[in-house]
C-alpha cells in the first residue's frame, strides 16, 4: 500500500488554497516515483504557475508531465483553469534550501 497523502478538496477553502493542496498531492507522487517535485507558486487570472525541480529539471518528459499530467489533473478539479506554466527550480528555490 502506498504512503501517499490523499487529496480531498475542502469546498470551504479558496481556490488558490485548494490548488496548492492538489499540487502538494501531485508532488508527493512525483517525488516518490520519479525523484522530481512540483511546487505551487501562483494562481492569477486563470493561470497556474508551478515550479519543477529535482529529477524534473532538464528532463525531456517534463513538458509532458507539466501539461499532460499536472495541467490535465488540475483542470479536472478546476475547470476554469486556463493553463499551467512551469518554471525550473533554481538553487535558491529548491525545497529545503535556505
Foldseek 3Di string as FASTA:
>chain_A
DDPQDDQDADPVDDPVVSLQSVQVSVQSVCCVPPQKGKGWDDDDPLETEIEIEGNLVPDPCVVCCQCVPSVVVVCVVVVSRDHYHYDYDDQCRDPPHD
